[in-house]
C-alpha atoms as a PDB file:
ATOM      1  CA  UNK A   1       0.000   0.000   0.000  1.00  0.00           C
ATOM      2  CA  UNK A   2       2.659   2.502   1.032  1.00  0.00           C
ATOM      3  CA  UNK A   3       5.774   1.149  -0.711  1.00  0.00           C
ATOM      4  CA  UNK A   4       7.195   2.269  -4.061  1.00  0.00           C
ATOM      5  CA  UNK A   5      10.067   0.887  -6.138  1.00  0.00           C
ATOM      6  CA  UNK A   6      11.630  -2.399  -7.201  1.00  0.00           C
ATOM      7  CA  UNK A   7      15.218  -2.252  -5.890  1.00  0.00           C
ATOM      8  CA  UNK A   8      15.416   1.231  -4.408  1.00  0.00           C
ATOM      9  CA  UNK A   9      12.225   1.102  -2.376  1.00  0.00           C
ATOM     10  CA  UNK A  10      10.475   3.837  -0.423  1.00  0.00           C
ATOM     11  CA  UNK A  11       8.028   3.096   2.403  1.00  0.00           C
ATOM     12  CA  UNK A  12       6.228   5.837   4.325  1.00  0.00           C
ATOM     13  CA  UNK A  13       5.131   5.789   7.955  1.00  0.00           C
ATOM     14  CA  UNK A  14       3.282   8.172  10.235  1.00  0.00           C
ATOM     15  CA  UNK A  15       0.647  10.757   9.352  1.00  0.00           C
ATOM     16  CA  UNK A  16      -0.001  14.484   9.267  1.00  0.00           C
ATOM     17  CA  UNK A  17      -0.941  14.930  12.930  1.00  0.00           C
ATOM     18  CA  UNK A  18       0.728  11.820  14.324  1.00  0.00           C
ATOM     19  CA  UNK A  19       3.778  12.312  16.559  1.00  0.00           C
ATOM     20  CA  UNK A  20       6.053  11.842  13.561  1.00  0.00           C
ATOM     21  CA  UNK A  21       6.228  11.068   9.876  1.00  0.00           C
ATOM     22  CA  UNK A  22       9.025   9.486   7.915  1.00  0.00           C
ATOM     23  CA  UNK A  23      10.407   7.091   5.348  1.00  0.00           C
ATOM     24  CA  UNK A  24      12.132   3.724   5.267  1.00  0.00           C
ATOM     25  CA  UNK A  25      14.447   3.145   2.304  1.00  0.00           C
ATOM     26  CA  UNK A  26      15.747  -0.212   1.110  1.00  0.00           C
ATOM     27  CA  UNK A  27      18.249  -0.858  -1.656  1.00  0.00           C
ATOM     28  CA  UNK A  28      20.602   2.071  -1.215  1.00  0.00           C
ATOM     29  CA  UNK A  29      24.193   0.909  -1.782  1.00  0.00           C
ATOM     30  CA  UNK A  30      26.786   1.250   0.954  1.00  0.00           C
ATOM     31  CA  UNK A  31      29.290   4.080   0.834  1.00  0.00           C
ATOM     32  CA  UNK A  32      27.001   6.890  -0.332  1.00  0.00           C
ATOM     33  CA  UNK A  33      27.937  10.105   1.535  1.00  0.00           C
ATOM     34  CA  UNK A  34      24.925  11.347   3.518  1.00  0.00           C
ATOM     35  CA  UNK A  35      24.530  13.905   6.295  1.00  0.00           C
ATOM     36  CA  UNK A  36      21.648  15.925   7.732  1.00  0.00           C
ATOM     37  CA  UNK A  37      22.956  18.976   5.881  1.00  0.00           C
ATOM     38  CA  UNK A  38      22.315  17.231   2.551  1.00  0.00           C
ATOM     39  CA  UNK A  39      18.566  17.438   3.198  1.00  0.00           C
ATOM     40  CA  UNK A  40      18.145  20.998   4.395  1.00  0.00           C
ATOM     41  CA  UNK A  41      18.100  22.951   1.117  1.00  0.00           C
ATOM     42  CA  UNK A  42      15.441  20.772  -0.528  1.00  0.00           C
ATOM     43  CA  UNK A  43      13.350  20.634   2.641  1.00  0.00           C
ATOM     44  CA  UNK A  44      13.503  24.429   2.865  1.00  0.00           C
ATOM     45  CA  UNK A  45      12.128  24.716  -0.686  1.00  0.00           C
ATOM     46  CA  UNK A  46       9.096  22.678   0.404  1.00  0.00           C
ATOM     47  CA  UNK A  47       8.316  24.902   3.405  1.00  0.00           C
ATOM     48  CA  UNK A  48       5.218  27.159   3.324  1.00  0.00           C
ATOM     49  CA  UNK A  49       7.069  30.463   3.136  1.00  0.00           C
ATOM     50  CA  UNK A  50       5.088  32.373   0.496  1.00  0.00           C
ATOM     51  CA  UNK A  51       1.580  33.803   0.281  1.00  0.00           C
ATOM     52  CA  UNK A  52      -1.007  31.159  -0.489  1.00  0.00           C
ATOM     53  CA  UNK A  53       0.589  28.403   1.596  1.00  0.00           C
ATOM     54  CA  UNK A  54      -0.356  27.009   4.994  1.00  0.00           C
ATOM     55  CA  UNK A  55       0.424  28.795   8.252  1.00  0.00           C
ATOM     56  CA  UNK A  56       1.581  25.470   9.705  1.00  0.00           C
ATOM     57  CA  UNK A  57       5.367  25.602   9.868  1.00  0.00           C
ATOM     58  CA  UNK A  58       7.362  22.604  11.067  1.00  0.00           C
ATOM     59  CA  UNK A  59      11.103  22.457  11.779  1.00  0.00           C
ATOM     60  CA  UNK A  60      11.523  19.489   9.412  1.00  0.00           C
ATOM     61  CA  UNK A  61      14.952  18.500  10.677  1.00  0.00           C
ATOM     62  CA  UNK A  62      15.570  14.909   9.559  1.00  0.00           C
ATOM     63  CA  UNK A  63      16.560  12.303  12.117  1.00  0.00           C
ATOM     64  CA  UNK A  64      18.766   9.647  10.497  1.00  0.00           C
ATOM     65  CA  UNK A  65      17.890   6.729  12.752  1.00  0.00           C
ATOM     66  CA  UNK A  66      19.617   3.873  10.959  1.00  0.00           C
ATOM     67  CA  UNK A  67      21.407   2.966   7.759  1.00  0.00           C
ATOM     68  CA  UNK A  68      23.978   5.767   8.083  1.00  0.00           C
ATOM     69  CA  UNK A  69      27.260   5.600   9.985  1.00  0.00           C
ATOM     70  CA  UNK A  70      30.076   8.149  10.020  1.00  0.00           C
ATOM     71  CA  UNK A  71      28.260  10.146   7.322  1.00  0.00           C
ATOM     72  CA  UNK A  72      28.043   7.238   4.856  1.00  0.00           C
ATOM     73  CA  UNK A  73      25.262   4.793   4.076  1.00  0.00           C
ATOM     74  CA  UNK A  74      25.882   1.296   5.375  1.00  0.00           C
ATOM     75  CA  UNK A  75      23.928  -0.660   2.767  1.00  0.00           C
ATOM     76  CA  UNK A  76      21.337  -1.543   5.422  1.00  0.00           C
ATOM     77  CA  UNK A  77      17.806  -0.197   5.761  1.00  0.00           C
ATOM     78  CA  UNK A  78      17.710   3.614   6.045  1.00  0.00           C
ATOM     79  CA  UNK A  79      15.143   5.181   8.365  1.00  0.00           C
ATOM     80  CA  UNK A  80      14.518   8.934   8.360  1.00  0.00           C
ATOM     81  CA  UNK A  81      11.968  10.561  10.674  1.00  0.00           C
ATOM     82  CA  UNK A  82      10.511  14.032  11.168  1.00  0.00           C
ATOM     83  CA  UNK A  83       8.739  15.211  14.307  1.00  0.00           C
ATOM     84  CA  UNK A  84       5.283  16.765  13.971  1.00  0.00           C
ATOM     85  CA  UNK A  85       5.468  19.533  16.555  1.00  0.00           C
ATOM     86  CA  UNK A  86       2.974  22.066  15.191  1.00  0.00           C
ATOM     87  CA  UNK A  87      -0.232  20.022  15.203  1.00  0.00           C
ATOM     88  CA  UNK A  88      -3.824  21.066  15.907  1.00  0.00           C
ATOM     89  CA  UNK A  89      -6.001  17.929  15.728  1.00  0.00           C
ATOM     90  CA  UNK A  90      -8.902  19.858  17.268  1.00  0.00           C
ATOM     91  CA  UNK A  91      -9.333  21.601  13.915  1.00  0.00           C
ATOM     92  CA  UNK A  92     -10.532  18.344  12.356  1.00  0.00           C
ATOM     93  CA  UNK A  93     -13.824  17.629  14.077  1.00  0.00           C
ATOM     94  CA  UNK A  94     -16.369  18.189  11.321  1.00  0.00           C
ATOM     95  CA  UNK A  95     -19.337  16.472  12.938  1.00  0.00           C
ATOM     96  CA  UNK A  96     -21.462  14.715  10.358  1.00  0.00           C
ATOM     97  CA  UNK A  97     -19.728  16.156   7.308  1.00  0.00           C
ATOM     98  CA  UNK A  98     -17.343  14.361   5.021  1.00  0.00           C
ATOM     99  CA  UNK A  99     -15.092  17.120   3.703  1.00  0.00           C
ATOM    100  CA  UNK A 100     -15.843  17.679  -0.009  1.00  0.00           C
ATOM    101  CA  UNK A 101     -12.903  16.670  -2.179  1.00  0.00           C
ATOM    102  CA  UNK A 102     -11.082  14.877   0.653  1.00  0.00           C
ATOM    103  CA  UNK A 103     -10.551  11.155   1.179  1.00  0.00           C
ATOM    104  CA  UNK A 104     -12.675  11.104   4.361  1.00  0.00           C
ATOM    105  CA  UNK A 105     -15.488   9.072   2.828  1.00  0.00           C
ATOM    106  CA  UNK A 106     -13.411   6.737   0.652  1.00  0.00           C
ATOM    107  CA  UNK A 107     -10.983   5.946   3.485  1.00  0.00           C
ATOM    108  CA  UNK A 108     -13.871   5.252   5.872  1.00  0.00           C
ATOM    109  CA  UNK A 109     -15.373   2.814   3.353  1.00  0.00           C
ATOM    110  CA  UNK A 110     -12.032   1.103   2.750  1.00  0.00           C
ATOM    111  CA  UNK A 111     -10.530   1.017   6.246  1.00  0.00           C
ATOM    112  CA  UNK A 112     -13.474   1.586   8.582  1.00  0.00           C
ATOM    113  CA  UNK A 113     -11.768   4.221  10.708  1.00  0.00           C
ATOM    114  CA  UNK A 114     -13.226   7.548  11.738  1.00  0.00           C
ATOM    115  CA  UNK A 115     -14.214   9.620   8.759  1.00  0.00           C
ATOM    116  CA  UNK A 116     -12.243  12.718   9.793  1.00  0.00           C
ATOM    117  CA  UNK A 117      -8.573  11.841   9.847  1.00  0.00           C
ATOM    118  CA  UNK A 118      -6.595  14.548  11.637  1.00  0.00           C
ATOM    119  CA  UNK A 119      -4.979  16.675   8.953  1.00  0.00           C
ATOM    120  CA  UNK A 120      -5.904  14.131   6.305  1.00  0.00           C
ATOM    121  CA  UNK A 121      -3.890  11.372   7.992  1.00  0.00           C
ATOM    122  CA  UNK A 122      -1.749   9.559   5.469  1.00  0.00           C
ATOM    123  CA  UNK A 123      -3.641  11.254   2.604  1.00  0.00           C
ATOM    124  CA  UNK A 124      -2.223  14.630   3.615  1.00  0.00           C
ATOM    125  CA  UNK A 125       0.269  16.755   1.733  1.00  0.00           C
ATOM    126  CA  UNK A 126       2.365  16.516   4.892  1.00  0.00           C
ATOM    127  CA  UNK A 127       3.567  13.134   3.595  1.00  0.00           C
ATOM    128  CA  UNK A 128       5.606  14.945   0.960  1.00  0.00           C
ATOM    129  CA  UNK A 129       8.273  15.839   3.522  1.00  0.00           C
ATOM    130  CA  UNK A 130       9.147  12.131   3.624  1.00  0.00           C
ATOM    131  CA  UNK A 131       9.094  11.903  -0.173  1.00  0.00           C
ATOM    132  CA  UNK A 132      11.587  14.755  -0.410  1.00  0.00           C
ATOM    133  CA  UNK A 133      13.871  12.975   2.059  1.00  0.00           C
ATOM    134  CA  UNK A 134      13.738   9.787  -0.001  1.00  0.00           C
ATOM    135  CA  UNK A 135      14.572  11.725  -3.142  1.00  0.00           C
ATOM    136  CA  UNK A 136      17.648  13.286  -1.551  1.00  0.00           C
ATOM    137  CA  UNK A 137      19.027   9.807  -0.930  1.00  0.00           C
ATOM    138  CA  UNK A 138      18.042   8.675  -4.426  1.00  0.00           C
ATOM    139  CA  UNK A 139      19.746  11.641  -6.068  1.00  0.00           C
ATOM    140  CA  UNK A 140      22.975  10.724  -4.277  1.00  0.00           C
ATOM    141  CA  UNK A 141      22.972   7.378  -6.102  1.00  0.00           C
ATOM    142  CA  UNK A 142      22.906   9.043  -9.536  1.00  0.00           C
ATOM    143  CA  UNK A 143      25.077  12.173  -9.115  1.00  0.00           C
ATOM    144  CA  UNK A 144      25.313  12.787 -12.858  1.00  0.00           C
ATOM    145  CA  UNK A 145      21.553  13.383 -13.141  1.00  0.00           C
ATOM    146  CA  UNK A 146      19.995  16.768 -12.358  1.00  0.00           C
ATOM    147  CA  UNK A 147      16.380  17.829 -11.862  1.00  0.00           C
ATOM    148  CA  UNK A 148      14.729  21.156 -12.566  1.00  0.00           C
ATOM    149  CA  UNK A 149      11.027  21.699 -11.835  1.00  0.00           C
ATOM    150  CA  UNK A 150       9.177  24.996 -11.802  1.00  0.00           C
ATOM    151  CA  UNK A 151       5.647  26.265 -11.449  1.00  0.00           C
ATOM    152  CA  UNK A 152       4.315  26.915 -14.918  1.00  0.00           C
ATOM    153  CA  UNK A 153       0.757  28.029 -14.210  1.00  0.00           C
ATOM    154  CA  UNK A 154      -1.612  28.671 -11.285  1.00  0.00           C
ATOM    155  CA  UNK A 155      -5.373  28.652 -11.742  1.00  0.00           C
ATOM    156  CA  UNK A 156      -5.039  29.079 -15.511  1.00  0.00           C
ATOM    157  CA  UNK A 157      -2.981  32.246 -15.028  1.00  0.00           C
ATOM    158  CA  UNK A 158       0.663  33.232 -15.301  1.00  0.00           C
ATOM    159  CA  UNK A 159       0.169  36.155 -12.898  1.00  0.00           C
ATOM    160  CA  UNK A 160       0.756  34.096  -9.758  1.00  0.00           C
ATOM    161  CA  UNK A 161       0.611  36.908  -7.214  1.00  0.00           C
ATOM    162  CA  UNK A 162      -2.688  38.344  -8.446  1.00  0.00           C
ATOM    163  CA  UNK A 163      -4.533  35.052  -8.796  1.00  0.00           C
ATOM    164  CA  UNK A 164      -3.340  33.752  -5.417  1.00  0.00           C
ATOM    165  CA  UNK A 165      -4.246  37.004  -3.672  1.00  0.00           C
ATOM    166  CA  UNK A 166      -7.757  36.856  -5.135  1.00  0.00           C
ATOM    167  CA  UNK A 167      -8.205  33.269  -3.964  1.00  0.00           C
ATOM    168  CA  UNK A 168      -7.043  34.155  -0.448  1.00  0.00           C
ATOM    169  CA  UNK A 169      -9.607  36.958  -0.243  1.00  0.00           C
ATOM    170  CA  UNK A 170     -12.440  34.778  -1.561  1.00  0.00           C
ATOM    171  CA  UNK A 171     -11.606  31.814   0.689  1.00  0.00           C
ATOM    172  CA  UNK A 172     -11.097  29.554  -2.314  1.00  0.00           C
ATOM    173  CA  UNK A 173      -8.159  27.488  -3.588  1.00  0.00           C
ATOM    174  CA  UNK A 174      -6.220  26.984  -6.819  1.00  0.00           C
ATOM    175  CA  UNK A 175      -4.578  24.234  -8.829  1.00  0.00           C
ATOM    176  CA  UNK A 176      -1.541  24.559 -11.018  1.00  0.00           C
ATOM    177  CA  UNK A 177       0.856  23.012 -13.514  1.00  0.00           C
ATOM    178  CA  UNK A 178       4.443  22.100 -12.637  1.00  0.00           C
ATOM    179  CA  UNK A 179       6.966  21.407 -15.400  1.00  0.00           C
ATOM    180  CA  UNK A 180       9.948  19.140 -14.776  1.00  0.00           C
ATOM    181  CA  UNK A 181      13.080  18.455 -16.820  1.00  0.00           C
ATOM    182  CA  UNK A 182      15.561  15.731 -15.934  1.00  0.00           C
ATOM    183  CA  UNK A 183      19.041  16.071 -17.414  1.00  0.00           C
ATOM    184  CA  UNK A 184      21.770  13.453 -17.679  1.00  0.00           C
ATOM    185  CA  UNK A 185      19.608  10.327 -17.776  1.00  0.00           C
ATOM    186  CA  UNK A 186      21.418   7.774 -19.945  1.00  0.00           C
ATOM    187  CA  UNK A 187      19.679   5.912 -22.722  1.00  0.00           C
ATOM    188  CA  UNK A 188      18.328   2.495 -21.831  1.00  0.00           C
ATOM    189  CA  UNK A 189      16.442   2.982 -18.553  1.00  0.00           C
ATOM    190  CA  UNK A 190      12.935   1.571 -18.293  1.00  0.00           C
ATOM    191  CA  UNK A 191      11.268  -1.665 -19.364  1.00  0.00           C
ATOM    192  CA  UNK A 192       8.778  -2.308 -22.175  1.00  0.00           C
ATOM    193  CA  UNK A 193       5.123  -2.742 -21.301  1.00  0.00           C
ATOM    194  CA  UNK A 194       4.182  -2.427 -17.643  1.00  0.00           C
ATOM    195  CA  UNK A 195       7.381  -0.947 -16.237  1.00  0.00           C
ATOM    196  CA  UNK A 196       7.964   1.623 -18.951  1.00  0.00           C
ATOM    197  CA  UNK A 197       9.746   4.720 -17.699  1.00  0.00           C
ATOM    198  CA  UNK A 198       6.531   6.698 -18.267  1.00  0.00           C
ATOM    199  CA  UNK A 199       4.596   4.120 -16.217  1.00  0.00           C
ATOM    200  CA  UNK A 200       7.060   4.275 -13.333  1.00  0.00           C
ATOM    201  CA  UNK A 201       7.273   8.063 -13.397  1.00  0.00           C
ATOM    202  CA  UNK A 202       3.481   8.363 -13.509  1.00  0.00           C
ATOM    203  CA  UNK A 203       3.138   5.927 -10.611  1.00  0.00           C
ATOM    204  CA  UNK A 204       5.527   8.063  -8.582  1.00  0.00           C
ATOM    205  CA  UNK A 205       3.843  11.352  -9.452  1.00  0.00           C
ATOM    206  CA  UNK A 206       0.361  10.064  -8.649  1.00  0.00           C
ATOM    207  CA  UNK A 207       1.700   9.085  -5.220  1.00  0.00           C
ATOM    208  CA  UNK A 208       1.996  12.811  -4.462  1.00  0.00           C
ATOM    209  CA  UNK A 209      -1.291  14.030  -2.950  1.00  0.00           C
ATOM    210  CA  UNK A 210      -3.266  16.255  -5.313  1.00  0.00           C
ATOM    211  CA  UNK A 211      -1.768  15.131  -8.635  1.00  0.00           C
ATOM    212  CA  UNK A 212      -4.456  14.501 -11.254  1.00  0.00           C
ATOM    213  CA  UNK A 213      -2.570  14.176 -14.553  1.00  0.00           C
ATOM    214  CA  UNK A 214       0.867  13.927 -16.135  1.00  0.00           C
ATOM    215  CA  UNK A 215       1.930  14.675 -19.692  1.00  0.00           C
ATOM    216  CA  UNK A 216       5.284  13.701 -21.275  1.00  0.00           C
ATOM    217  CA  UNK A 217       6.879  15.822 -23.982  1.00  0.00           C
ATOM    218  CA  UNK A 218       4.136  17.262 -26.166  1.00  0.00           C
ATOM    219  CA  UNK A 219       1.708  15.023 -24.306  1.00  0.00           C
ATOM    220  CA  UNK A 220      -1.933  15.391 -25.292  1.00  0.00           C
ATOM    221  CA  UNK A 221      -0.944  17.850 -28.019  1.00  0.00           C
ATOM    222  CA  UNK A 222       0.508  14.875 -29.899  1.00  0.00           C
ATOM    223  CA  UNK A 223      -3.052  13.713 -30.613  1.00  0.00           C
ATOM    224  CA  UNK A 224      -3.531  16.689 -32.953  1.00  0.00           C
ATOM    225  CA  UNK A 225      -0.066  16.588 -34.565  1.00  0.00           C
ATOM    226  CA  UNK A 226       1.132  14.892 -37.734  1.00  0.00           C
ATOM    227  CA  UNK A 227       3.873  12.293 -37.605  1.00  0.00           C
ATOM    228  CA  UNK A 228       6.161  14.637 -39.505  1.00  0.00           C
ATOM    229  CA  UNK A 229       5.633  17.191 -36.742  1.00  0.00           C
ATOM    230  CA  UNK A 230       5.936  14.867 -33.764  1.00  0.00           C
ATOM    231  CA  UNK A 231       8.857  12.646 -34.835  1.00  0.00           C
ATOM    232  CA  UNK A 232      12.195  13.493 -33.217  1.00  0.00           C
ATOM    233  CA  UNK A 233      14.819  13.209 -35.943  1.00  0.00           C
ATOM    234  CA  UNK A 234      18.323  12.189 -34.884  1.00  0.00           C
ATOM    235  CA  UNK A 235      21.188  14.659 -34.892  1.00  0.00           C
ATOM    236  CA  UNK A 236      23.939  12.060 -34.417  1.00  0.00           C
ATOM    237  CA  UNK A 237      24.689   8.450 -33.543  1.00  0.00           C
ATOM    238  CA  UNK A 238      24.249   8.766 -29.767  1.00  0.00           C
ATOM    239  CA  UNK A 239      20.468   9.078 -29.632  1.00  0.00           C
ATOM    240  CA  UNK A 240      20.376  12.877 -29.519  1.00  0.00           C
ATOM    241  CA  UNK A 241      17.608  14.482 -31.538  1.00  0.00           C
ATOM    242  CA  UNK A 242      16.893  17.930 -32.954  1.00  0.00           C
ATOM    243  CA  UNK A 243      13.607  18.085 -31.049  1.00  0.00           C
ATOM    244  CA  UNK A 244      12.201  16.395 -27.965  1.00  0.00           C
ATOM    245  CA  UNK A 245       8.494  15.975 -28.655  1.00  0.00           C
ATOM    246  CA  UNK A 246       8.566  12.523 -27.009  1.00  0.00           C
ATOM    247  CA  UNK A 247       9.914  13.934 -23.753  1.00  0.00           C
ATOM    248  CA  UNK A 248      13.059  11.799 -23.709  1.00  0.00           C
ATOM    249  CA  UNK A 249      11.291   8.422 -23.671  1.00  0.00           C
ATOM    250  CA  UNK A 250      10.561   6.106 -26.597  1.00  0.00           C
ATOM    251  CA  UNK A 251       9.096   2.625 -26.276  1.00  0.00           C
ATOM    252  CA  UNK A 252       9.054   3.143 -22.529  1.00  0.00           C
ATOM    253  CA  UNK A 253      12.862   3.493 -22.473  1.00  0.00           C
ATOM    254  CA  UNK A 254      14.957   6.628 -21.975  1.00  0.00           C
ATOM    255  CA  UNK A 255      16.660   7.763 -25.207  1.00  0.00           C
ATOM    256  CA  UNK A 256      19.373   9.990 -23.738  1.00  0.00           C
ATOM    257  CA  UNK A 257      17.558  13.275 -24.234  1.00  0.00           C
ATOM    258  CA  UNK A 258      16.200  15.257 -21.278  1.00  0.00           C
ATOM    259  CA  UNK A 259      13.105  13.673 -19.774  1.00  0.00           C
ATOM    260  CA  UNK A 260      10.410  16.337 -19.872  1.00  0.00           C
ATOM    261  CA  UNK A 261       6.911  16.294 -18.403  1.00  0.00           C
ATOM    262  CA  UNK A 262       4.125  18.436 -16.964  1.00  0.00           C
ATOM    263  CA  UNK A 263       2.271  17.530 -13.769  1.00  0.00           C
ATOM    264  CA  UNK A 264      -1.237  18.848 -13.152  1.00  0.00           C
ATOM    265  CA  UNK A 265      -2.172  19.646  -9.552  1.00  0.00           C
ATOM    266  CA  UNK A 266      -5.768  20.028  -8.380  1.00  0.00           C
ATOM    267  CA  UNK A 267      -6.862  22.833  -6.052  1.00  0.00           C
ATOM    268  CA  UNK A 268      -6.689  21.917  -2.349  1.00  0.00           C
ATOM    269  CA  UNK A 269     -10.006  20.654  -1.005  1.00  0.00           C
ATOM    270  CA  UNK A 270      -9.947  22.514   2.324  1.00  0.00           C
ATOM    271  CA  UNK A 271     -11.457  25.950   1.699  1.00  0.00           C
ATOM    272  CA  UNK A 272     -13.146  28.470   3.976  1.00  0.00           C
ATOM    273  CA  UNK A 273     -15.577  29.435   1.245  1.00  0.00           C
ATOM    274  CA  UNK A 274     -18.981  27.939   2.176  1.00  0.00           C
ATOM    275  CA  UNK A 275     -20.131  24.884   0.225  1.00  0.00           C
ATOM    276  CA  UNK A 276     -23.331  22.871   0.298  1.00  0.00           C
ATOM    277  CA  UNK A 277     -22.900  19.224   1.354  1.00  0.00           C
ATOM    278  CA  UNK A 278     -24.618  16.373   3.189  1.00  0.00           C
ATOM    279  CA  UNK A 279     -24.589  16.243   7.001  1.00  0.00           C
ATOM    280  CA  UNK A 280     -24.945  12.621   8.138  1.00  0.00           C
ATOM    281  CA  UNK A 281     -25.944  13.676  11.681  1.00  0.00           C
ATOM    282  CA  UNK A 282     -28.964  15.703  10.579  1.00  0.00           C
ATOM    283  CA  UNK A 283     -29.659  13.882   7.321  1.00  0.00           C
ATOM    284  CA  UNK A 284     -29.841  17.234   5.543  1.00  0.00           C
ATOM    285  CA  UNK A 285     -27.972  19.177   2.887  1.00  0.00           C
ATOM    286  CA  UNK A 286     -26.350  22.072   4.747  1.00  0.00           C
ATOM    287  CA  UNK A 287     -23.750  24.797   4.397  1.00  0.00           C
ATOM    288  CA  UNK A 288     -20.228  23.710   5.303  1.00  0.00           C
ATOM    289  CA  UNK A 289     -16.767  25.288   5.340  1.00  0.00           C
ATOM    290  CA  UNK A 290     -13.357  24.076   6.506  1.00  0.00           C
ATOM    291  CA  UNK A 291     -11.543  26.131   9.160  1.00  0.00           C
ATOM    292  CA  UNK A 292      -7.870  25.766  10.032  1.00  0.00           C
ATOM    293  CA  UNK A 293      -4.498  26.240   8.349  1.00  0.00           C
ATOM    294  CA  UNK A 294      -4.506  25.143   4.727  1.00  0.00           C
ATOM    295  CA  UNK A 295      -2.677  25.827   1.482  1.00  0.00           C
ATOM    296  CA  UNK A 296      -4.548  27.987  -0.991  1.00  0.00           C
ATOM    297  CA  UNK A 297      -2.311  26.540  -3.714  1.00  0.00           C
ATOM    298  CA  UNK A 298      -0.348  23.417  -2.804  1.00  0.00           C
ATOM    299  CA  UNK A 299       1.297  23.512  -6.232  1.00  0.00           C
ATOM    300  CA  UNK A 300       3.453  26.378  -4.945  1.00  0.00           C
ATOM    301  CA  UNK A 301       5.345  23.880  -2.788  1.00  0.00           C
ATOM    302  CA  UNK A 302       5.486  20.959  -5.200  1.00  0.00           C
ATOM    303  CA  UNK A 303       8.398  21.590  -7.618  1.00  0.00           C
ATOM    304  CA  UNK A 304      10.964  20.144  -5.198  1.00  0.00           C
ATOM    305  CA  UNK A 305       8.652  17.224  -4.332  1.00  0.00           C
ATOM    306  CA  UNK A 306       8.296  16.373  -8.018  1.00  0.00           C
ATOM    307  CA  UNK A 307      12.055  16.588  -8.520  1.00  0.00           C
ATOM    308  CA  UNK A 308      12.718  14.261  -5.609  1.00  0.00           C
ATOM    309  CA  UNK A 309      10.099  11.687  -6.596  1.00  0.00           C
ATOM    310  CA  UNK A 310      11.578  11.712 -10.089  1.00  0.00           C
ATOM    311  CA  UNK A 311      14.965  11.028  -8.479  1.00  0.00           C
ATOM    312  CA  UNK A 312      13.504   7.945  -6.781  1.00  0.00           C
ATOM    313  CA  UNK A 313      12.345   6.636 -10.159  1.00  0.00           C
ATOM    314  CA  UNK A 314      15.689   7.279 -11.856  1.00  0.00           C
ATOM    315  CA  UNK A 315      17.654   5.711  -8.995  1.00  0.00           C
ATOM    316  CA  UNK A 316      15.479   2.602  -8.998  1.00  0.00           C
ATOM    317  CA  UNK A 317      15.661   2.251 -12.794  1.00  0.00           C
ATOM    318  CA  UNK A 318      19.433   2.755 -12.707  1.00  0.00           C
ATOM    319  CA  UNK A 319      19.952   0.065 -10.074  1.00  0.00           C
ATOM    320  CA  UNK A 320      17.636  -2.260 -11.975  1.00  0.00           C
ATOM    321  CA  UNK A 321      19.612  -1.756 -15.196  1.00  0.00           C
ATOM    322  CA  UNK A 322      22.884  -2.260 -13.306  1.00  0.00           C
ATOM    323  CA  UNK A 323      21.654  -5.552 -11.866  1.00  0.00           C
ATOM    324  CA  UNK A 324      20.834  -6.797 -15.367  1.00  0.00           C
ATOM    325  CA  UNK A 325      24.279  -5.819 -16.621  1.00  0.00           C
ATOM    326  CA  UNK A 326      26.118  -7.620 -13.827  1.00  0.00           C
ATOM    327  CA  UNK A 327      23.909 -10.713 -13.634  1.00  0.00           C
END
């Protein structure tokens, strides 16, 4: 349920308003240099430090509990934990309402627990702190690969400040589009059919709360293009092409060009703007709003999360290819 990867595996534990949240990593080779300082820059990029993000601010200092000795990985299981110190579970008593857009109802049907998980439980965006930590370790395995993600659009607009300010005033929320480029990925990563590099990358991206779609290269635009427009013609004998309409992946396998994709993020479900929904205690349709500290646009904090989840995919695919070569 909460594990991703084939060789380099990532398993999450904890929840948004639990005492802690973290990640267990298997498959990292021994001898990889790793210190707490390696995590701090990426974790800082994820923090809610701009307008339109949550007022909940955690220290997010990683605790390297096992798998690291004398600043190097040991080859054993790695466990990284983060304390949840700034919690307010009292904000999550919604009576007879299932929060619109949240996983309250679906999780209650599937697991039978209380319908209002504090802070969204393990469905919360808080889980992304652990995903970033995993990606830092993954990126250390493939030092020749670099990741660059940026916010491309918020709420259909390129004027981020204006559209976010308007949403804050109205008590609403906004989605966005994040673009990611991955440089330095060698040709040959990925497997045909079910473990294509697109399949693995999509699996990883959809594990980030709030992601609703992903598009590689020209993506859905390819449906309206001609073959002569979409084909990437080769510029030499090393797989490089004049264009990159395919987004660096052909036949499910990396071709040596930059891997390029867009990720589409839905607007956060928790909004103070009143909505009309069913109250199971009264049996009536009533007005409902969500108080508390919530992101107006979670996409603002996602570029680094997307980079780090992409790093997990590349690390796993690299180790998988290496195992095939040496076996």
